[in-house]
Amino acid sequence: MVIGPVELPETALILGSAFPVRDEDAYRREAGSSVAAAESATRGQREMSVAAGYTEAEFHGLTGSALGGQFGLRFDQFGVDHTRYSNVAGWLRWAAENIEVTKAAMNHAVSDYHASYDHTTRRAADESWPQVRLVETKTELVRTAQAAIARLHAGYERRHELARHGIAAGSAPPAVPPDASDGEA
């Protein structure tokens, strides 16, 4: 299920346009497609192995050697394809996790702002603060929350760019899941 912004007053003020619009479920579906492609490549490898075994037993001379060599090349290519598709699936799952952890962290930051503001308004009432002090305190709380959102968004975009490059290259994905709390990849 796609995570949306928390429904609290002033959520839009805190989040601005920083909340990720990418669909984590779509990334997971694409990862499933890549897993299926990797499995197809493995089946192709098995077929090439069977064909190579048949060729070795039934064909002799240059024809058998040429066919066996071609089957070997195809076998190897299917292995390369399997690795690439498996890596792409890993990156897509990692990108989905990046979206989720960022959305959750941003929602947490909005909730923290609301909890802080609620505490501040109770304290202001208890201590009979002048209205201007409450407004100044609220402004600072908003700025602090917006800064947290900006850090989360920047980290999210860096991690998403890392995933984009990993998918394009077909390289191995990170062994550790993305962590929104550090603002880094």
C-alpha atoms as a PDB file:
ATOM      1  CA  MET A   1       0.000   0.000   0.000  1.00  0.00           C
ATOM      2  CA  VAL A   2       1.381   3.375  -0.998  1.00  0.00           C
ATOM      3  CA  ILE A   3       2.214   5.630   1.943  1.00  0.00           C
ATOM      4  CA  GLY A   4       0.668   9.099   1.789  1.00  0.00           C
ATOM      5  CA  PRO A   5       1.360  12.228   3.806  1.00  0.00           C
ATOM      6  CA  VAL A   6       0.080  12.135   7.370  1.00  0.00           C
ATOM      7  CA  GLU A   7      -3.270  13.889   7.686  1.00  0.00           C
ATOM      8  CA  LEU A   8      -2.636  16.584  10.263  1.00  0.00           C
ATOM      9  CA  PRO A   9      -3.194  20.323  10.194  1.00  0.00           C
ATOM     10  CA  GLU A  10      -0.329  22.195   8.566  1.00  0.00           C
ATOM     11  CA  THR A  11       1.147  19.079   6.946  1.00  0.00           C
ATOM     12  CA  ALA A  12       1.379  20.933   3.629  1.00  0.00           C
ATOM     13  CA  LEU A  13       3.171  23.824   5.339  1.00  0.00           C
ATOM     14  CA  ILE A  14       5.819  21.479   6.729  1.00  0.00           C
ATOM     15  CA  LEU A  15       6.208  19.185   3.715  1.00  0.00           C
ATOM     16  CA  GLY A  16       5.915  21.687   0.906  1.00  0.00           C
ATOM     17  CA  SER A  17       6.597  19.734  -2.286  1.00  0.00           C
ATOM     18  CA  ALA A  18       9.250  17.483  -0.720  1.00  0.00           C
ATOM     19  CA  PHE A  19       7.092  14.411  -0.075  1.00  0.00           C
ATOM     20  CA  PRO A  20       8.114  11.674  -2.564  1.00  0.00           C
ATOM     21  CA  VAL A  21       5.551  11.130  -5.313  1.00  0.00           C
ATOM     22  CA  ARG A  22       7.113   7.899  -6.541  1.00  0.00           C
ATOM     23  CA  ASP A  23       5.046   4.760  -5.955  1.00  0.00           C
ATOM     24  CA  GLU A  24       6.901   2.196  -3.858  1.00  0.00           C
ATOM     25  CA  ASP A  25       4.466  -0.530  -4.937  1.00  0.00           C
ATOM     26  CA  ALA A  26       5.235   0.121  -8.610  1.00  0.00           C
ATOM     27  CA  TYR A  27       8.934  -0.376  -7.874  1.00  0.00           C
ATOM     28  CA  ARG A  28       8.141  -3.680  -6.152  1.00  0.00           C
ATOM     29  CA  ARG A  29       6.049  -4.815  -9.132  1.00  0.00           C
ATOM     30  CA  GLU A  30       8.933  -3.989 -11.465  1.00  0.00           C
ATOM     31  CA  ALA A  31      11.280  -5.907  -9.174  1.00  0.00           C
ATOM     32  CA  GLY A  32       8.965  -8.906  -9.558  1.00  0.00           C
ATOM     33  CA  SER A  33       9.217  -8.581 -13.349  1.00  0.00           C
ATOM     34  CA  SER A  34      13.006  -8.543 -13.118  1.00  0.00           C
ATOM     35  CA  VAL A  35      12.952 -11.624 -10.880  1.00  0.00           C
ATOM     36  CA  ALA A  36      10.792 -13.380 -13.500  1.00  0.00           C
ATOM     37  CA  ALA A  37      13.287 -12.369 -16.209  1.00  0.00           C
ATOM     38  CA  ALA A  38      16.164 -13.733 -14.093  1.00  0.00           C
ATOM     39  CA  GLU A  39      14.277 -17.020 -13.697  1.00  0.00           C
ATOM     40  CA  SER A  40      13.726 -17.142 -17.475  1.00  0.00           C
ATOM     41  CA  ALA A  41      17.450 -16.684 -18.006  1.00  0.00           C
ATOM     42  CA  THR A  42      18.109 -19.604 -15.654  1.00  0.00           C
ATOM     43  CA  ARG A  43      15.655 -21.746 -17.633  1.00  0.00           C
ATOM     44  CA  GLY A  44      17.486 -20.682 -20.800  1.00  0.00           C
ATOM     45  CA  GLN A  45      20.754 -21.786 -19.257  1.00  0.00           C
ATOM     46  CA  ARG A  46      19.275 -25.207 -18.477  1.00  0.00           C
ATOM     47  CA  GLU A  47      18.001 -25.519 -22.065  1.00  0.00           C
ATOM     48  CA  MET A  48      21.423 -24.622 -23.444  1.00  0.00           C
ATOM     49  CA  SER A  49      23.017 -27.193 -21.157  1.00  0.00           C
ATOM     50  CA  VAL A  50      20.615 -29.874 -22.397  1.00  0.00           C
ATOM     51  CA  ALA A  51      21.172 -28.838 -26.024  1.00  0.00           C
ATOM     52  CA  ALA A  52      24.944 -28.861 -25.554  1.00  0.00           C
ATOM     53  CA  GLY A  53      24.768 -32.347 -24.019  1.00  0.00           C
ATOM     54  CA  TYR A  54      22.678 -33.611 -26.931  1.00  0.00           C
ATOM     55  CA  THR A  55      25.005 -32.010 -29.462  1.00  0.00           C
ATOM     56  CA  GLU A  56      28.092 -33.497 -27.846  1.00  0.00           C
ATOM     57  CA  ALA A  57      26.576 -36.971 -27.975  1.00  0.00           C
ATOM     58  CA  GLU A  58      25.070 -36.767 -31.487  1.00  0.00           C
ATOM     59  CA  PHE A  59      27.334 -34.543 -33.591  1.00  0.00           C
ATOM     60  CA  HIS A  60      30.994 -35.167 -34.346  1.00  0.00           C
ATOM     61  CA  GLY A  61      33.681 -33.124 -35.987  1.00  0.00           C
ATOM     62  CA  LEU A  62      33.624 -29.415 -36.737  1.00  0.00           C
ATOM     63  CA  THR A  63      29.823 -29.172 -36.779  1.00  0.00           C
ATOM     64  CA  GLY A  64      29.539 -30.602 -33.283  1.00  0.00           C
ATOM     65  CA  SER A  65      32.335 -28.377 -32.007  1.00  0.00           C
ATOM     66  CA  ALA A  66      30.790 -25.271 -33.577  1.00  0.00           C
ATOM     67  CA  LEU A  67      27.347 -26.037 -32.193  1.00  0.00           C
ATOM     68  CA  GLY A  68      28.757 -26.868 -28.769  1.00  0.00           C
ATOM     69  CA  GLY A  69      30.695 -23.596 -28.777  1.00  0.00           C
ATOM     70  CA  GLN A  70      27.572 -21.617 -29.664  1.00  0.00           C
ATOM     71  CA  PHE A  71      25.569 -23.352 -26.953  1.00  0.00           C
ATOM     72  CA  GLY A  72      28.363 -22.559 -24.495  1.00  0.00           C
ATOM     73  CA  LEU A  73      28.280 -18.882 -25.473  1.00  0.00           C
ATOM     74  CA  ARG A  74      24.503 -18.806 -25.082  1.00  0.00           C
ATOM     75  CA  PHE A  75      24.796 -20.573 -21.724  1.00  0.00           C
ATOM     76  CA  ASP A  76      27.243 -17.920 -20.532  1.00  0.00           C
ATOM     77  CA  GLN A  77      25.046 -15.065 -21.825  1.00  0.00           C
ATOM     78  CA  PHE A  78      22.043 -16.455 -19.982  1.00  0.00           C
ATOM     79  CA  GLY A  79      24.181 -16.469 -16.831  1.00  0.00           C
ATOM     80  CA  VAL A  80      25.121 -12.824 -17.378  1.00  0.00           C
ATOM     81  CA  ASP A  81      21.453 -11.984 -18.005  1.00  0.00           C
ATOM     82  CA  HIS A  82      20.409 -13.774 -14.815  1.00  0.00           C
ATOM     83  CA  THR A  83      22.904 -11.781 -12.763  1.00  0.00           C
ATOM     84  CA  ARG A  84      21.874  -8.477 -14.339  1.00  0.00           C
ATOM     85  CA  TYR A  85      18.137  -9.076 -13.873  1.00  0.00           C
ATOM     86  CA  SER A  86      18.699 -10.223 -10.287  1.00  0.00           C
ATOM     87  CA  ASN A  87      20.736  -7.077  -9.574  1.00  0.00           C
ATOM     88  CA  VAL A  88      18.098  -4.849 -11.166  1.00  0.00           C
ATOM     89  CA  ALA A  89      15.436  -6.525  -9.019  1.00  0.00           C
ATOM     90  CA  GLY A  90      17.560  -5.857  -5.926  1.00  0.00           C
ATOM     91  CA  TRP A  91      17.970  -2.190  -6.850  1.00  0.00           C
ATOM     92  CA  LEU A  92      14.242  -1.820  -7.517  1.00  0.00           C
ATOM     93  CA  ARG A  93      13.423  -3.301  -4.101  1.00  0.00           C
ATOM     94  CA  TRP A  94      16.044  -1.008  -2.532  1.00  0.00           C
ATOM     95  CA  ALA A  95      14.507   2.011  -4.314  1.00  0.00           C
ATOM     96  CA  ALA A  96      11.057   0.997  -3.018  1.00  0.00           C
ATOM     97  CA  GLU A  97      12.476   0.831   0.508  1.00  0.00           C
ATOM     98  CA  ASN A  98      14.071   4.251   0.002  1.00  0.00           C
ATOM     99  CA  ILE A  99      10.681   5.693  -0.901  1.00  0.00           C
ATOM    100  CA  GLU A 100       9.021   4.031   2.101  1.00  0.00           C
ATOM    101  CA  VAL A 101      11.603   5.000   4.704  1.00  0.00           C
ATOM    102  CA  THR A 102      11.644   8.567   3.439  1.00  0.00           C
ATOM    103  CA  LYS A 103       7.863   8.885   3.483  1.00  0.00           C
ATOM    104  CA  ALA A 104       7.726   7.398   6.975  1.00  0.00           C
ATOM    105  CA  ALA A 105      10.502   9.697   8.229  1.00  0.00           C
ATOM    106  CA  MET A 106       8.802  12.752   6.739  1.00  0.00           C
ATOM    107  CA  ASN A 107       5.478  11.791   8.316  1.00  0.00           C
ATOM    108  CA  HIS A 108       7.287  11.333  11.613  1.00  0.00           C
ATOM    109  CA  ALA A 109       8.830  14.816  11.290  1.00  0.00           C
ATOM    110  CA  VAL A 110       5.375  16.308  10.665  1.00  0.00           C
ATOM    111  CA  SER A 111       3.960  14.442  13.671  1.00  0.00           C
ATOM    112  CA  ASP A 112       6.887  15.633  15.808  1.00  0.00           C
ATOM    113  CA  TYR A 113       6.175  19.218  14.768  1.00  0.00           C
ATOM    114  CA  HIS A 114       2.525  18.840  15.782  1.00  0.00           C
ATOM    115  CA  ALA A 115       3.443  17.265  19.113  1.00  0.00           C
ATOM    116  CA  SER A 116       5.923  20.079  19.802  1.00  0.00           C
ATOM    117  CA  TYR A 117       3.418  22.738  18.827  1.00  0.00           C
ATOM    118  CA  ASP A 118       0.702  21.153  20.989  1.00  0.00           C
ATOM    119  CA  HIS A 119       3.116  21.090  23.931  1.00  0.00           C
ATOM    120  CA  THR A 120       4.064  24.721  23.235  1.00  0.00           C
ATOM    121  CA  THR A 121       0.443  25.905  23.135  1.00  0.00           C
ATOM    122  CA  ARG A 122      -0.303  24.171  26.448  1.00  0.00           C
ATOM    123  CA  ARG A 123       2.801  25.712  27.999  1.00  0.00           C
ATOM    124  CA  ALA A 124       1.901  29.135  26.559  1.00  0.00           C
ATOM    125  CA  ALA A 125      -1.565  28.898  28.107  1.00  0.00           C
ATOM    126  CA  ASP A 126      -0.215  27.687  31.463  1.00  0.00           C
ATOM    127  CA  GLU A 127       2.388  30.442  31.593  1.00  0.00           C
ATOM    128  CA  SER A 128       0.236  33.164  29.989  1.00  0.00           C
ATOM    129  CA  TRP A 129       2.642  33.871  27.152  1.00  0.00           C
ATOM    130  CA  PRO A 130       2.010  36.971  25.060  1.00  0.00           C
ATOM    131  CA  GLN A 131       0.675  36.084  21.599  1.00  0.00           C
ATOM    132  CA  VAL A 132       3.826  37.359  19.911  1.00  0.00           C
ATOM    133  CA  ARG A 133       5.986  34.842  21.843  1.00  0.00           C
ATOM    134  CA  LEU A 134       3.737  31.963  20.773  1.00  0.00           C
ATOM    135  CA  VAL A 135       3.886  33.120  17.140  1.00  0.00           C
ATOM    136  CA  GLU A 136       7.692  33.382  17.282  1.00  0.00           C
ATOM    137  CA  THR A 137       7.974  29.940  18.856  1.00  0.00           C
ATOM    138  CA  LYS A 138       5.648  28.448  16.264  1.00  0.00           C
ATOM    139  CA  THR A 139       7.668  30.059  13.465  1.00  0.00           C
ATOM    140  CA  GLU A 140      10.831  28.478  14.853  1.00  0.00           C
ATOM    141  CA  LEU A 141       9.149  25.072  15.165  1.00  0.00           C
ATOM    142  CA  VAL A 142       7.982  25.325  11.547  1.00  0.00           C
ATOM    143  CA  ARG A 143      11.484  26.295  10.373  1.00  0.00           C
ATOM    144  CA  THR A 144      13.031  23.393  12.292  1.00  0.00           C
ATOM    145  CA  ALA A 145      10.527  20.908  10.853  1.00  0.00           C
ATOM    146  CA  GLN A 146      10.978  22.260   7.325  1.00  0.00           C
ATOM    147  CA  ALA A 147      14.757  21.964   7.669  1.00  0.00           C
ATOM    148  CA  ALA A 148      14.359  18.322   8.739  1.00  0.00           C
ATOM    149  CA  ILE A 149      12.144  17.697   5.710  1.00  0.00           C
ATOM    150  CA  ALA A 150      14.712  19.360   3.426  1.00  0.00           C
ATOM    151  CA  ARG A 151      17.468  17.078   4.803  1.00  0.00           C
ATOM    152  CA  LEU A 152      15.272  14.015   4.363  1.00  0.00           C
ATOM    153  CA  HIS A 153      14.406  15.035   0.806  1.00  0.00           C
ATOM    154  CA  ALA A 154      18.047  15.647  -0.118  1.00  0.00           C
ATOM    155  CA  GLY A 155      19.065  12.223   1.242  1.00  0.00           C
ATOM    156  CA  TYR A 156      16.159  10.590  -0.562  1.00  0.00           C
ATOM    157  CA  GLU A 157      17.154  12.148  -3.879  1.00  0.00           C
ATOM    158  CA  ARG A 158      20.811  11.102  -3.428  1.00  0.00           C
ATOM    159  CA  ARG A 159      19.757   7.536  -2.683  1.00  0.00           C
ATOM    160  CA  HIS A 160      17.320   7.504  -5.603  1.00  0.00           C
ATOM    161  CA  GLU A 161      20.072   8.688  -7.947  1.00  0.00           C
ATOM    162  CA  LEU A 162      22.313   5.908  -6.619  1.00  0.00           C
ATOM    163  CA  ALA A 163      19.542   3.389  -7.362  1.00  0.00           C
ATOM    164  CA  ARG A 164      19.004   4.840 -10.830  1.00  0.00           C
ATOM    165  CA  HIS A 165      22.687   4.398 -11.670  1.00  0.00           C
ATOM    166  CA  GLY A 166      22.737   0.891 -10.176  1.00  0.00           C
ATOM    167  CA  ILE A 167      19.723  -0.136 -12.256  1.00  0.00           C
ATOM    168  CA  ALA A 168      21.260   1.285 -15.432  1.00  0.00           C
ATOM    169  CA  ALA A 169      24.568  -0.486 -14.770  1.00  0.00           C
ATOM    170  CA  GLY A 170      23.026  -3.728 -13.527  1.00  0.00           C
ATOM    171  CA  SER A 171      25.521  -3.678 -10.685  1.00  0.00           C
ATOM    172  CA  ALA A 172      24.993  -5.377  -7.343  1.00  0.00           C
ATOM    173  CA  PRO A 173      22.700  -3.440  -4.978  1.00  0.00           C
ATOM    174  CA  PRO A 174      23.821  -2.417  -1.479  1.00  0.00           C
ATOM    175  CA  ALA A 175      23.693  -5.123   1.159  1.00  0.00           C
ATOM    176  CA  VAL A 176      22.139  -2.738   3.669  1.00  0.00           C
ATOM    177  CA  PRO A 177      18.705  -1.154   3.309  1.00  0.00           C
ATOM    178  CA  PRO A 178      18.418   2.591   2.784  1.00  0.00           C
ATOM    179  CA  ASP A 179      18.287   4.672   5.975  1.00  0.00           C
ATOM    180  CA  ALA A 180      16.485   8.007   5.900  1.00  0.00           C
ATOM    181  CA  SER A 181      17.746   8.996   9.351  1.00  0.00           C
ATOM    182  CA  ASP A 182      21.268   9.708   8.175  1.00  0.00           C
ATOM    183  CA  GLY A 183      20.297  11.802   5.150  1.00  0.00           C
ATOM    184  CA  GLU A 184      22.956   9.941   3.192  1.00  0.00           C
ATOM    185  CA  ALA A 185      23.086   6.890   0.925  1.00  0.00           C
END
